[in-house]
Amino acid sequence: MATDAPPPEAGAAPGPVQPSTEAFVAEQQSAEFGELRRAHRSFAFPLTVAFIAWYLLYVLLSSYAGGFMGTKVIGNINVAFVFGLAQFLTTFLIAWFYSRHAAAKLDPKAEAIKSRMEADA
């Protein structure tokens, strides 16, 4: 594929300078990185377990409680349909909660770590 961009100048660095492997390992072992990892895990793991349990409940009820899932709620809408729609709703709610959590708690910490790593490189 041809481009209109000129070739890089001789002796020019191909991109931004990367921190050394030792710097990455040292950062990974820092308290600030541990705090970032804890903040992510304390949010993501419980919600993941809760959603999987909710999904498995839906599947098990669909498989073994056909009478209950076939119960009419309003008109032709039954419990299974309501639970199915609730699966979509909870998926979107979890994504929304996570984006708020990440913006408030994870992104500032990650940006501080990134800025420090780039400044030290």
PDB file of N, CA and C in Angstrom:
ATOM      1  N   MET A   1       0.845  -1.158   0.000  1.00  0.00           N
ATOM      2  CA  MET A   1       0.000   0.000   0.000  1.00  0.00           C
ATOM      3  C   MET A   1       0.900   1.235   0.000  1.00  0.00           C
ATOM      4  N   ALA A   2       0.718   2.098  -0.939  1.00  0.00           N
ATOM      5  CA  ALA A   2       1.513   3.311  -1.060  1.00  0.00           C
ATOM      6  C   ALA A   2       0.894   4.433  -0.243  1.00  0.00           C
ATOM      7  N   THR A   3       1.769   5.276   0.328  1.00  0.00           N
ATOM      8  CA  THR A   3       1.293   6.440   1.079  1.00  0.00           C
ATOM      9  C   THR A   3       1.999   7.676   0.559  1.00  0.00           C
ATOM     10  N   ASP A   4       1.451   8.816   0.914  1.00  0.00           N
ATOM     11  CA  ASP A   4       2.061  10.085   0.531  1.00  0.00           C
ATOM     12  C   ASP A   4       3.049  10.572   1.575  1.00  0.00           C
ATOM     13  N   ALA A   5       3.157   9.864   2.697  1.00  0.00           N
ATOM     14  CA  ALA A   5       4.045  10.299   3.775  1.00  0.00           C
ATOM     15  C   ALA A   5       5.499  10.053   3.379  1.00  0.00           C
ATOM     16  N   PRO A   6       6.362  11.018   3.680  1.00  0.00           N
ATOM     17  CA  PRO A   6       7.785  10.814   3.368  1.00  0.00           C
ATOM     18  C   PRO A   6       8.391   9.788   4.323  1.00  0.00           C
ATOM     19  N   PRO A   7       9.468   9.143   3.939  1.00  0.00           N
ATOM     20  CA  PRO A   7      10.110   8.184   4.838  1.00  0.00           C
ATOM     21  C   PRO A   7      10.712   8.911   6.045  1.00  0.00           C
ATOM     22  N   PRO A   8      10.895   8.221   7.160  1.00  0.00           N
ATOM     23  CA  PRO A   8      11.475   8.879   8.333  1.00  0.00           C
ATOM     24  C   PRO A   8      12.904   9.324   8.063  1.00  0.00           C
ATOM     25  N   GLU A   9      13.290  10.389   8.743  1.00  0.00           N
ATOM     26  CA  GLU A   9      14.647  10.903   8.585  1.00  0.00           C
ATOM     27  C   GLU A   9      15.640   9.927   9.189  1.00  0.00           C
ATOM     28  N   ALA A  10      16.827   9.899   8.627  1.00  0.00           N
ATOM     29  CA  ALA A  10      17.870   9.003   9.136  1.00  0.00           C
ATOM     30  C   ALA A  10      18.255   9.424  10.546  1.00  0.00           C
ATOM     31  N   GLY A  11      18.345   8.460  11.445  1.00  0.00           N
ATOM     32  CA  GLY A  11      18.747   8.729  12.814  1.00  0.00           C
ATOM     33  C   GLY A  11      17.606   9.197  13.710  1.00  0.00           C
ATOM     34  N   ALA A  12      16.418   9.390  13.148  1.00  0.00           N
ATOM     35  CA  ALA A  12      15.277   9.822  13.960  1.00  0.00           C
ATOM     36  C   ALA A  12      14.721   8.647  14.740  1.00  0.00           C
ATOM     37  N   ALA A  13      14.262   8.918  15.935  1.00  0.00           N
ATOM     38  CA  ALA A  13      13.670   7.866  16.765  1.00  0.00           C
ATOM     39  C   ALA A  13      12.353   7.418  16.124  1.00  0.00           C
ATOM     40  N   PRO A  14      12.082   6.112  16.083  1.00  0.00           N
ATOM     41  CA  PRO A  14      10.884   5.619  15.421  1.00  0.00           C
ATOM     42  C   PRO A  14       9.586   5.958  16.166  1.00  0.00           C
ATOM     43  N   GLY A  15       9.636   6.296  17.413  1.00  0.00           N
ATOM     44  CA  GLY A  15       8.423   6.612  18.178  1.00  0.00           C
ATOM     45  C   GLY A  15       8.810   7.146  19.538  1.00  0.00           C
ATOM     46  N   PRO A  16       7.851   7.260  20.411  1.00  0.00           N
ATOM     47  CA  PRO A  16       8.166   7.754  21.747  1.00  0.00           C
ATOM     48  C   PRO A  16       9.078   6.788  22.487  1.00  0.00           C
ATOM     49  N   VAL A  17       9.888   7.337  23.360  1.00  0.00           N
ATOM     50  CA  VAL A  17      10.814   6.516  24.141  1.00  0.00           C
ATOM     51  C   VAL A  17      10.012   5.716  25.156  1.00  0.00           C
ATOM     52  N   GLN A  18      10.283   4.426  25.216  1.00  0.00           N
ATOM     53  CA  GLN A  18       9.580   3.542  26.136  1.00  0.00           C
ATOM     54  C   GLN A  18      10.383   3.368  27.420  1.00  0.00           C
ATOM     55  N   PRO A  19       9.693   3.266  28.557  1.00  0.00           N
ATOM     56  CA  PRO A  19      10.406   2.979  29.803  1.00  0.00           C
ATOM     57  C   PRO A  19      11.047   1.597  29.732  1.00  0.00           C
ATOM     58  N   SER A  20      12.042   1.389  30.549  1.00  0.00           N
ATOM     59  CA  SER A  20      12.737   0.103  30.552  1.00  0.00           C
ATOM     60  C   SER A  20      11.871  -0.965  31.220  1.00  0.00           C
ATOM     61  N   THR A  21      12.256  -2.200  31.015  1.00  0.00           N
ATOM     62  CA  THR A  21      11.562  -3.318  31.646  1.00  0.00           C
ATOM     63  C   THR A  21      11.612  -3.195  33.160  1.00  0.00           C
ATOM     64  N   GLU A  22      12.752  -2.759  33.674  1.00  0.00           N
ATOM     65  CA  GLU A  22      12.895  -2.591  35.119  1.00  0.00           C
ATOM     66  C   GLU A  22      11.917  -1.542  35.660  1.00  0.00           C
ATOM     67  N   ALA A  23      11.702  -0.479  34.876  1.00  0.00           N
ATOM     68  CA  ALA A  23      10.765   0.563  35.300  1.00  0.00           C
ATOM     69  C   ALA A  23       9.336   0.015  35.346  1.00  0.00           C
ATOM     70  N   PHE A  24       8.987  -0.814  34.359  1.00  0.00           N
ATOM     71  CA  PHE A  24       7.654  -1.424  34.359  1.00  0.00           C
ATOM     72  C   PHE A  24       7.483  -2.356  35.553  1.00  0.00           C
ATOM     73  N   VAL A  25       8.486  -3.162  35.838  1.00  0.00           N
ATOM     74  CA  VAL A  25       8.406  -4.097  36.974  1.00  0.00           C
ATOM     75  C   VAL A  25       8.316  -3.319  38.282  1.00  0.00           C
ATOM     76  N   ALA A  26       9.116  -2.267  38.420  1.00  0.00           N
ATOM     77  CA  ALA A  26       9.076  -1.460  39.635  1.00  0.00           C
ATOM     78  C   ALA A  26       7.703  -0.808  39.809  1.00  0.00           C
ATOM     79  N   GLU A  27       7.131  -0.331  38.735  1.00  0.00           N
ATOM     80  CA  GLU A  27       5.799   0.289  38.805  1.00  0.00           C
ATOM     81  C   GLU A  27       4.736  -0.736  39.164  1.00  0.00           C
ATOM     82  N   GLN A  28       4.859  -1.925  38.612  1.00  0.00           N
ATOM     83  CA  GLN A  28       3.898  -2.985  38.904  1.00  0.00           C
ATOM     84  C   GLN A  28       3.920  -3.357  40.389  1.00  0.00           C
ATOM     85  N   GLN A  29       5.065  -3.232  41.019  1.00  0.00           N
ATOM     86  CA  GLN A  29       5.207  -3.578  42.426  1.00  0.00           C
ATOM     87  C   GLN A  29       4.917  -2.401  43.365  1.00  0.00           C
ATOM     88  N   SER A  30       4.601  -1.244  42.803  1.00  0.00           N
ATOM     89  CA  SER A  30       4.357  -0.060  43.637  1.00  0.00           C
ATOM     90  C   SER A  30       2.990  -0.135  44.318  1.00  0.00           C
ATOM     91  N   ALA A  31       2.861   0.603  45.400  1.00  0.00           N
ATOM     92  CA  ALA A  31       1.596   0.649  46.148  1.00  0.00           C
ATOM     93  C   ALA A  31       0.491   1.291  45.308  1.00  0.00           C
ATOM     94  N   GLU A  32       0.845   2.299  44.515  1.00  0.00           N
ATOM     95  CA  GLU A  32      -0.155   2.988  43.701  1.00  0.00           C
ATOM     96  C   GLU A  32      -0.759   2.050  42.651  1.00  0.00           C
ATOM     97  N   PHE A  33       0.085   1.225  42.024  1.00  0.00           N
ATOM     98  CA  PHE A  33      -0.414   0.266  41.041  1.00  0.00           C
ATOM     99  C   PHE A  33      -1.262  -0.799  41.732  1.00  0.00           C
ATOM    100  N   GLY A  34      -0.846  -1.223  42.919  1.00  0.00           N
ATOM    101  CA  GLY A  34      -1.638  -2.183  43.690  1.00  0.00           C
ATOM    102  C   GLY A  34      -3.004  -1.617  44.033  1.00  0.00           C
ATOM    103  N   GLU A  35      -3.058  -0.348  44.369  1.00  0.00           N
ATOM    104  CA  GLU A  35      -4.335   0.313  44.656  1.00  0.00           C
ATOM    105  C   GLU A  35      -5.223   0.342  43.418  1.00  0.00           C
ATOM    106  N   LEU A  36      -4.636   0.636  42.262  1.00  0.00           N
ATOM    107  CA  LEU A  36      -5.385   0.639  41.007  1.00  0.00           C
ATOM    108  C   LEU A  36      -5.952  -0.748  40.715  1.00  0.00           C
ATOM    109  N   ARG A  37      -5.136  -1.756  40.876  1.00  0.00           N
ATOM    110  CA  ARG A  37      -5.570  -3.131  40.629  1.00  0.00           C
ATOM    111  C   ARG A  37      -6.690  -3.535  41.599  1.00  0.00           C
ATOM    112  N   ARG A  38      -6.547  -3.154  42.888  1.00  0.00           N
ATOM    113  CA  ARG A  38      -7.588  -3.451  43.882  1.00  0.00           C
ATOM    114  C   ARG A  38      -8.900  -2.746  43.536  1.00  0.00           C
ATOM    115  N   ALA A  39      -8.808  -1.482  43.111  1.00  0.00           N
ATOM    116  CA  ALA A  39     -10.010  -0.725  42.763  1.00  0.00           C
ATOM    117  C   ALA A  39     -10.744  -1.381  41.595  1.00  0.00           C
ATOM    118  N   HIS A  40      -9.995  -1.890  40.629  1.00  0.00           N
ATOM    119  CA  HIS A  40     -10.617  -2.572  39.494  1.00  0.00           C
ATOM    120  C   HIS A  40     -11.227  -3.903  39.924  1.00  0.00           C
ATOM    121  N   ARG A  41     -10.463  -4.697  40.624  1.00  0.00           N
ATOM    122  CA  ARG A  41     -10.937  -6.028  41.006  1.00  0.00           C
ATOM    123  C   ARG A  41     -12.115  -5.976  41.968  1.00  0.00           C
ATOM    124  N   SER A  42     -12.101  -5.028  42.897  1.00  0.00           N
ATOM    125  CA  SER A  42     -13.185  -4.955  43.878  1.00  0.00           C
ATOM    126  C   SER A  42     -14.510  -4.577  43.217  1.00  0.00           C
ATOM    127  N   PHE A  43     -14.453  -4.001  42.035  1.00  0.00           N
ATOM    128  CA  PHE A  43     -15.675  -3.678  41.308  1.00  0.00           C
ATOM    129  C   PHE A  43     -16.019  -4.772  40.302  1.00  0.00           C
ATOM    130  N   ALA A  44     -15.044  -5.187  39.518  1.00  0.00           N
ATOM    131  CA  ALA A  44     -15.311  -6.095  38.401  1.00  0.00           C
ATOM    132  C   ALA A  44     -15.648  -7.515  38.850  1.00  0.00           C
ATOM    133  N   PHE A  45     -14.921  -8.063  39.798  1.00  0.00           N
ATOM    134  CA  PHE A  45     -15.150  -9.456  40.175  1.00  0.00           C
ATOM    135  C   PHE A  45     -16.525  -9.693  40.791  1.00  0.00           C
ATOM    136  N   PRO A  46     -16.962  -8.905  41.789  1.00  0.00           N
ATOM    137  CA  PRO A  46     -18.297  -9.154  42.339  1.00  0.00           C
ATOM    138  C   PRO A  46     -19.422  -8.989  41.315  1.00  0.00           C
ATOM    139  N   LEU A  47     -19.320  -7.978  40.452  1.00  0.00           N
ATOM    140  CA  LEU A  47     -20.362  -7.811  39.441  1.00  0.00           C
ATOM    141  C   LEU A  47     -20.351  -8.942  38.426  1.00  0.00           C
ATOM    142  N   THR A  48     -19.177  -9.441  38.090  1.00  0.00           N
ATOM    143  CA  THR A  48     -19.095 -10.562  37.160  1.00  0.00           C
ATOM    144  C   THR A  48     -19.738 -11.804  37.763  1.00  0.00           C
ATOM    145  N   VAL A  49     -19.426 -12.089  39.011  1.00  0.00           N
ATOM    146  CA  VAL A  49     -20.014 -13.256  39.685  1.00  0.00           C
ATOM    147  C   VAL A  49     -21.526 -13.100  39.792  1.00  0.00           C
ATOM    148  N   ALA A  50     -21.994 -11.911  40.160  1.00  0.00           N
ATOM    149  CA  ALA A  50     -23.430 -11.676  40.290  1.00  0.00           C
ATOM    150  C   ALA A  50     -24.135 -11.841  38.952  1.00  0.00           C
ATOM    151  N   PHE A  51     -23.538 -11.323  37.879  1.00  0.00           N
ATOM    152  CA  PHE A  51     -24.186 -11.439  36.576  1.00  0.00           C
ATOM    153  C   PHE A  51     -24.204 -12.885  36.092  1.00  0.00           C
ATOM    154  N   ILE A  52     -23.136 -13.614  36.305  1.00  0.00           N
ATOM    155  CA  ILE A  52     -23.112 -15.017  35.885  1.00  0.00           C
ATOM    156  C   ILE A  52     -24.148 -15.818  36.678  1.00  0.00           C
ATOM    157  N   ALA A  53     -24.275 -15.544  37.977  1.00  0.00           N
ATOM    158  CA  ALA A  53     -25.286 -16.222  38.788  1.00  0.00           C
ATOM    159  C   ALA A  53     -26.693 -15.889  38.274  1.00  0.00           C
ATOM    160  N   TRP A  54     -26.926 -14.632  37.955  1.00  0.00           N
ATOM    161  CA  TRP A  54     -28.222 -14.199  37.424  1.00  0.00           C
ATOM    162  C   TRP A  54     -28.504 -14.886  36.089  1.00  0.00           C
ATOM    163  N   TYR A  55     -27.510 -14.966  35.222  1.00  0.00           N
ATOM    164  CA  TYR A  55     -27.683 -15.620  33.926  1.00  0.00           C
ATOM    165  C   TYR A  55     -27.953 -17.118  34.106  1.00  0.00           C
ATOM    166  N   LEU A  56     -27.196 -17.776  34.985  1.00  0.00           N
ATOM    167  CA  LEU A  56     -27.410 -19.207  35.211  1.00  0.00           C
ATOM    168  C   LEU A  56     -28.781 -19.470  35.829  1.00  0.00           C
ATOM    169  N   LEU A  57     -29.249 -18.582  36.693  1.00  0.00           N
ATOM    170  CA  LEU A  57     -30.599 -18.713  37.235  1.00  0.00           C
ATOM    171  C   LEU A  57     -31.617 -18.686  36.105  1.00  0.00           C
ATOM    172  N   TYR A  58     -31.452 -17.772  35.177  1.00  0.00           N
ATOM    173  CA  TYR A  58     -32.345 -17.670  34.020  1.00  0.00           C
ATOM    174  C   TYR A  58     -32.318 -18.958  33.198  1.00  0.00           C
ATOM    175  N   VAL A  59     -31.129 -19.469  32.933  1.00  0.00           N
ATOM    176  CA  VAL A  59     -31.004 -20.699  32.144  1.00  0.00           C
ATOM    177  C   VAL A  59     -31.613 -21.886  32.887  1.00  0.00           C
ATOM    178  N   LEU A  60     -31.313 -22.011  34.174  1.00  0.00           N
ATOM    179  CA  LEU A  60     -31.844 -23.138  34.952  1.00  0.00           C
ATOM    180  C   LEU A  60     -33.370 -23.061  35.069  1.00  0.00           C
ATOM    181  N   LEU A  61     -33.901 -21.881  35.329  1.00  0.00           N
ATOM    182  CA  LEU A  61     -35.354 -21.744  35.381  1.00  0.00           C
ATOM    183  C   LEU A  61     -35.987 -22.067  34.038  1.00  0.00           C
ATOM    184  N   SER A  62     -35.344 -21.659  32.956  1.00  0.00           N
ATOM    185  CA  SER A  62     -35.865 -21.960  31.621  1.00  0.00           C
ATOM    186  C   SER A  62     -35.856 -23.458  31.346  1.00  0.00           C
ATOM    187  N   SER A  63     -34.848 -24.138  31.875  1.00  0.00           N
ATOM    188  CA  SER A  63     -34.721 -25.580  31.628  1.00  0.00           C
ATOM    189  C   SER A  63     -35.609 -26.423  32.532  1.00  0.00           C
ATOM    190  N   TYR A  64     -35.685 -26.045  33.811  1.00  0.00           N
ATOM    191  CA  TYR A  64     -36.320 -26.922  34.789  1.00  0.00           C
ATOM    192  C   TYR A  64     -37.608 -26.374  35.397  1.00  0.00           C
ATOM    193  N   ALA A  65     -37.947 -25.143  35.163  1.00  0.00           N
ATOM    194  CA  ALA A  65     -39.171 -24.572  35.724  1.00  0.00           C
ATOM    195  C   ALA A  65     -40.014 -23.969  34.605  1.00  0.00           C
ATOM    196  N   GLY A  66     -40.340 -24.810  33.629  1.00  0.00           N
ATOM    197  CA  GLY A  66     -41.102 -24.345  32.470  1.00  0.00           C
ATOM    198  C   GLY A  66     -42.459 -23.788  32.838  1.00  0.00           C
ATOM    199  N   GLY A  67     -43.098 -24.397  33.828  1.00  0.00           N
ATOM    200  CA  GLY A  67     -44.405 -23.899  34.253  1.00  0.00           C
ATOM    201  C   GLY A  67     -44.322 -22.494  34.795  1.00  0.00           C
ATOM    202  N   PHE A  68     -43.329 -22.247  35.646  1.00  0.00           N
ATOM    203  CA  PHE A  68     -43.145 -20.904  36.207  1.00  0.00           C
ATOM    204  C   PHE A  68     -42.777 -19.905  35.117  1.00  0.00           C
ATOM    205  N   MET A  69     -41.839 -20.276  34.261  1.00  0.00           N
ATOM    206  CA  MET A  69     -41.393 -19.347  33.223  1.00  0.00           C
ATOM    207  C   MET A  69     -42.492 -19.075  32.196  1.00  0.00           C
ATOM    208  N   GLY A  70     -43.433 -19.994  32.065  1.00  0.00           N
ATOM    209  CA  GLY A  70     -44.528 -19.801  31.127  1.00  0.00           C
ATOM    210  C   GLY A  70     -45.695 -19.027  31.707  1.00  0.00           C
ATOM    211  N   THR A  71     -45.601 -18.648  32.965  1.00  0.00           N
ATOM    212  CA  THR A  71     -46.680 -17.905  33.609  1.00  0.00           C
ATOM    213  C   THR A  71     -46.878 -16.559  32.915  1.00  0.00           C
ATOM    214  N   LYS A  72     -48.119 -16.302  32.533  1.00  0.00           N
ATOM    215  CA  LYS A  72     -48.430 -15.038  31.856  1.00  0.00           C
ATOM    216  C   LYS A  72     -48.378 -13.884  32.856  1.00  0.00           C
ATOM    217  N   VAL A  73     -47.750 -12.790  32.435  1.00  0.00           N
ATOM    218  CA  VAL A  73     -47.665 -11.589  33.269  1.00  0.00           C
ATOM    219  C   VAL A  73     -48.716 -10.588  32.800  1.00  0.00           C
ATOM    220  N   ILE A  74     -48.628 -10.223  31.536  1.00  0.00           N
ATOM    221  CA  ILE A  74     -49.594  -9.305  30.912  1.00  0.00           C
ATOM    222  C   ILE A  74     -49.812  -9.780  29.486  1.00  0.00           C
ATOM    223  N   GLY A  75     -51.017 -10.097  29.128  1.00  0.00           N
ATOM    224  CA  GLY A  75     -51.310 -10.544  27.765  1.00  0.00           C
ATOM    225  C   GLY A  75     -50.496 -11.780  27.409  1.00  0.00           C
ATOM    226  N   ASN A  76     -49.754 -11.702  26.313  1.00  0.00           N
ATOM    227  CA  ASN A  76     -48.909 -12.813  25.879  1.00  0.00           C
ATOM    228  C   ASN A  76     -47.490 -12.731  26.430  1.00  0.00           C
ATOM    229  N   ILE A  77     -47.231 -11.811  27.298  1.00  0.00           N
ATOM    230  CA  ILE A  77     -45.890 -11.655  27.883  1.00  0.00           C
ATOM    231  C   ILE A  77     -45.803 -12.539  29.124  1.00  0.00           C
ATOM    232  N   ASN A  78     -44.830 -13.440  29.105  1.00  0.00           N
ATOM    233  CA  ASN A  78     -44.666 -14.356  30.239  1.00  0.00           C
ATOM    234  C   ASN A  78     -43.401 -14.025  31.038  1.00  0.00           C
ATOM    235  N   VAL A  79     -43.201 -14.759  32.124  1.00  0.00           N
ATOM    236  CA  VAL A  79     -42.063 -14.525  33.017  1.00  0.00           C
ATOM    237  C   VAL A  79     -40.745 -14.701  32.266  1.00  0.00           C
ATOM    238  N   ALA A  80     -40.651 -15.698  31.395  1.00  0.00           N
ATOM    239  CA  ALA A  80     -39.414 -15.941  30.647  1.00  0.00           C
ATOM    240  C   ALA A  80     -39.046 -14.736  29.787  1.00  0.00           C
ATOM    241  N   PHE A  81     -40.041 -14.128  29.159  1.00  0.00           N
ATOM    242  CA  PHE A  81     -39.780 -12.952  28.330  1.00  0.00           C
ATOM    243  C   PHE A  81     -39.292 -11.783  29.180  1.00  0.00           C
ATOM    244  N   VAL A  82     -39.912 -11.590  30.332  1.00  0.00           N
ATOM    245  CA  VAL A  82     -39.501 -10.512  31.236  1.00  0.00           C
ATOM    246  C   VAL A  82     -38.074 -10.747  31.715  1.00  0.00           C
ATOM    247  N   PHE A  83     -37.756 -11.997  32.110  1.00  0.00           N
ATOM    248  CA  PHE A  83     -36.389 -12.314  32.540  1.00  0.00           C
ATOM    249  C   PHE A  83     -35.393 -12.118  31.405  1.00  0.00           C
ATOM    250  N   GLY A  84     -35.767 -12.495  30.195  1.00  0.00           N
ATOM    251  CA  GLY A  84     -34.881 -12.302  29.043  1.00  0.00           C
ATOM    252  C   GLY A  84     -34.582 -10.840  28.797  1.00  0.00           C
ATOM    253  N   LEU A  85     -35.600  -9.994  28.866  1.00  0.00           N
ATOM    254  CA  LEU A  85     -35.380  -8.554  28.710  1.00  0.00           C
ATOM    255  C   LEU A  85     -34.541  -8.006  29.859  1.00  0.00           C
ATOM    256  N   ALA A  86     -34.757  -8.553  31.053  1.00  0.00           N
ATOM    257  CA  ALA A  86     -33.969  -8.104  32.211  1.00  0.00           C
ATOM    258  C   ALA A  86     -32.490  -8.436  32.034  1.00  0.00           C
ATOM    259  N   GLN A  87     -32.179  -9.511  31.305  1.00  0.00           N
ATOM    260  CA  GLN A  87     -30.781  -9.833  31.026  1.00  0.00           C
ATOM    261  C   GLN A  87     -30.130  -8.704  30.235  1.00  0.00           C
ATOM    262  N   PHE A  88     -30.815  -8.204  29.220  1.00  0.00           N
ATOM    263  CA  PHE A  88     -30.279  -7.083  28.442  1.00  0.00           C
ATOM    264  C   PHE A  88     -30.148  -5.833  29.301  1.00  0.00           C
ATOM    265  N   LEU A  89     -31.163  -5.557  30.096  1.00  0.00           N
ATOM    266  CA  LEU A  89     -31.135  -4.383  30.956  1.00  0.00           C
ATOM    267  C   LEU A  89     -29.959  -4.432  31.927  1.00  0.00           C
ATOM    268  N   THR A  90     -29.740  -5.577  32.568  1.00  0.00           N
ATOM    269  CA  THR A  90     -28.629  -5.675  33.516  1.00  0.00           C
ATOM    270  C   THR A  90     -27.282  -5.564  32.811  1.00  0.00           C
ATOM    271  N   THR A  91     -27.184  -6.061  31.597  1.00  0.00           N
ATOM    272  CA  THR A  91     -25.933  -5.924  30.844  1.00  0.00           C
ATOM    273  C   THR A  91     -25.606  -4.448  30.617  1.00  0.00           C
ATOM    274  N   PHE A  92     -26.587  -3.685  30.177  1.00  0.00           N
ATOM    275  CA  PHE A  92     -26.363  -2.257  29.939  1.00  0.00           C
ATOM    276  C   PHE A  92     -26.107  -1.506  31.241  1.00  0.00           C
ATOM    277  N   LEU A  93     -26.808  -1.859  32.305  1.00  0.00           N
ATOM    278  CA  LEU A  93     -26.578  -1.202  33.585  1.00  0.00           C
ATOM    279  C   LEU A  93     -25.170  -1.465  34.113  1.00  0.00           C
ATOM    280  N   ILE A  94     -24.712  -2.687  33.980  1.00  0.00           N
ATOM    281  CA  ILE A  94     -23.354  -3.015  34.433  1.00  0.00           C
ATOM    282  C   ILE A  94     -22.329  -2.227  33.628  1.00  0.00           C
ATOM    283  N   ALA A  95     -22.518  -2.143  32.316  1.00  0.00           N
ATOM    284  CA  ALA A  95     -21.589  -1.373  31.481  1.00  0.00           C
ATOM    285  C   ALA A  95     -21.601   0.098  31.882  1.00  0.00           C
ATOM    286  N   TRP A  96     -22.769   0.640  32.163  1.00  0.00           N
ATOM    287  CA  TRP A  96     -22.882   2.039  32.576  1.00  0.00           C
ATOM    288  C   TRP A  96     -22.221   2.264  33.932  1.00  0.00           C
ATOM    289  N   PHE A  97     -22.505   1.362  34.905  1.00  0.00           N
ATOM    290  CA  PHE A  97     -21.867   1.479  36.222  1.00  0.00           C
ATOM    291  C   PHE A  97     -20.350   1.386  36.109  1.00  0.00           C
ATOM    292  N   TYR A  98     -19.870   0.471  35.272  1.00  0.00           N
ATOM    293  CA  TYR A  98     -18.426   0.325  35.127  1.00  0.00           C
ATOM    294  C   TYR A  98     -17.804   1.574  34.510  1.00  0.00           C
ATOM    295  N   SER A  99     -18.442   2.147  33.511  1.00  0.00           N
ATOM    296  CA  SER A  99     -17.866   3.349  32.889  1.00  0.00           C
ATOM    297  C   SER A  99     -17.805   4.502  33.892  1.00  0.00           C
ATOM    298  N   ARG A 100     -18.817   4.626  34.739  1.00  0.00           N
ATOM    299  CA  ARG A 100     -18.779   5.656  35.780  1.00  0.00           C
ATOM    300  C   ARG A 100     -17.681   5.371  36.794  1.00  0.00           C
ATOM    301  N   HIS A 101     -17.565   4.103  37.203  1.00  0.00           N
ATOM    302  CA  HIS A 101     -16.533   3.709  38.170  1.00  0.00           C
ATOM    303  C   HIS A 101     -15.141   3.961  37.588  1.00  0.00           C
ATOM    304  N   ALA A 102     -14.950   3.569  36.340  1.00  0.00           N
ATOM    305  CA  ALA A 102     -13.641   3.758  35.712  1.00  0.00           C
ATOM    306  C   ALA A 102     -13.292   5.234  35.598  1.00  0.00           C
ATOM    307  N   ALA A 103     -14.244   6.046  35.190  1.00  0.00           N
ATOM    308  CA  ALA A 103     -13.978   7.482  35.040  1.00  0.00           C
ATOM    309  C   ALA A 103     -13.660   8.139  36.384  1.00  0.00           C
ATOM    310  N   ALA A 104     -14.321   7.690  37.435  1.00  0.00           N
ATOM    311  CA  ALA A 104     -14.133   8.327  38.738  1.00  0.00           C
ATOM    312  C   ALA A 104     -12.941   7.784  39.508  1.00  0.00           C
ATOM    313  N   LYS A 105     -12.702   6.485  39.438  1.00  0.00           N
ATOM    314  CA  LYS A 105     -11.695   5.878  40.311  1.00  0.00           C
ATOM    315  C   LYS A 105     -10.471   5.318  39.578  1.00  0.00           C
ATOM    316  N   LEU A 106     -10.680   4.716  38.414  1.00  0.00           N
ATOM    317  CA  LEU A 106      -9.563   4.041  37.742  1.00  0.00           C
ATOM    318  C   LEU A 106      -8.768   4.973  36.834  1.00  0.00           C
ATOM    319  N   ASP A 107      -9.458   5.747  36.015  1.00  0.00           N
ATOM    320  CA  ASP A 107      -8.771   6.579  35.029  1.00  0.00           C
ATOM    321  C   ASP A 107      -7.810   7.601  35.653  1.00  0.00           C
ATOM    322  N   PRO A 108      -8.188   8.298  36.726  1.00  0.00           N
ATOM    323  CA  PRO A 108      -7.225   9.250  37.311  1.00  0.00           C
ATOM    324  C   PRO A 108      -5.963   8.555  37.830  1.00  0.00           C
ATOM    325  N   LYS A 109      -6.116   7.403  38.465  1.00  0.00           N
ATOM    326  CA  LYS A 109      -4.947   6.675  38.969  1.00  0.00           C
ATOM    327  C   LYS A 109      -4.090   6.161  37.823  1.00  0.00           C
ATOM    328  N   ALA A 110      -4.738   5.624  36.797  1.00  0.00           N
ATOM    329  CA  ALA A 110      -3.992   5.115  35.646  1.00  0.00           C
ATOM    330  C   ALA A 110      -3.272   6.246  34.916  1.00  0.00           C
ATOM    331  N   GLU A 111      -3.913   7.393  34.800  1.00  0.00           N
ATOM    332  CA  GLU A 111      -3.284   8.534  34.129  1.00  0.00           C
ATOM    333  C   GLU A 111      -2.077   9.036  34.914  1.00  0.00           C
ATOM    334  N   ALA A 112      -2.177   9.038  36.242  1.00  0.00           N
ATOM    335  CA  ALA A 112      -1.035   9.459  37.064  1.00  0.00           C
ATOM    336  C   ALA A 112       0.142   8.499  36.884  1.00  0.00           C
ATOM    337  N   ILE A 113      -0.138   7.218  36.865  1.00  0.00           N
ATOM    338  CA  ILE A 113       0.926   6.223  36.658  1.00  0.00           C
ATOM    339  C   ILE A 113       1.534   6.388  35.274  1.00  0.00           C
ATOM    340  N   LYS A 114       0.674   6.549  34.257  1.00  0.00           N
ATOM    341  CA  LYS A 114       1.165   6.709  32.886  1.00  0.00           C
ATOM    342  C   LYS A 114       2.037   7.963  32.752  1.00  0.00           C
ATOM    343  N   SER A 115       1.572   9.058  33.312  1.00  0.00           N
ATOM    344  CA  SER A 115       2.329  10.310  33.233  1.00  0.00           C
ATOM    345  C   SER A 115       3.702  10.159  33.892  1.00  0.00           C
ATOM    346  N   ARG A 116       3.731   9.524  35.059  1.00  0.00           N
ATOM    347  CA  ARG A 116       5.006   9.325  35.749  1.00  0.00           C
ATOM    348  C   ARG A 116       5.939   8.414  34.941  1.00  0.00           C
ATOM    349  N   MET A 117       5.373   7.376  34.347  1.00  0.00           N
ATOM    350  CA  MET A 117       6.204   6.455  33.546  1.00  0.00           C
ATOM    351  C   MET A 117       6.774   7.167  32.313  1.00  0.00           C
ATOM    352  N   GLU A 118       5.952   7.977  31.668  1.00  0.00           N
ATOM    353  CA  GLU A 118       6.425   8.697  30.478  1.00  0.00           C
ATOM    354  C   GLU A 118       7.449   9.757  30.844  1.00  0.00           C
ATOM    355  N   ALA A 119       7.280  10.394  31.989  1.00  0.00           N
ATOM    356  CA  ALA A 119       8.232  11.426  32.410  1.00  0.00           C
ATOM    357  C   ALA A 119       9.589  10.819  32.775  1.00  0.00           C
ATOM    358  N   ASP A 120       9.580   9.616  33.335  1.00  0.00           N
ATOM    359  CA  ASP A 120      10.815   8.956  33.729  1.00  0.00           C
ATOM    360  C   ASP A 120      11.536   8.300  32.558  1.00  0.00           C
ATOM    361  N   ALA A 121      10.844   8.123  31.420  1.00  0.00           N
ATOM    362  CA  ALA A 121      11.452   7.409  30.290  1.00  0.00           C
ATOM    363  C   ALA A 121      12.518   8.236  29.612  1.00  0.00           C
TER     364      ALA A 121
END
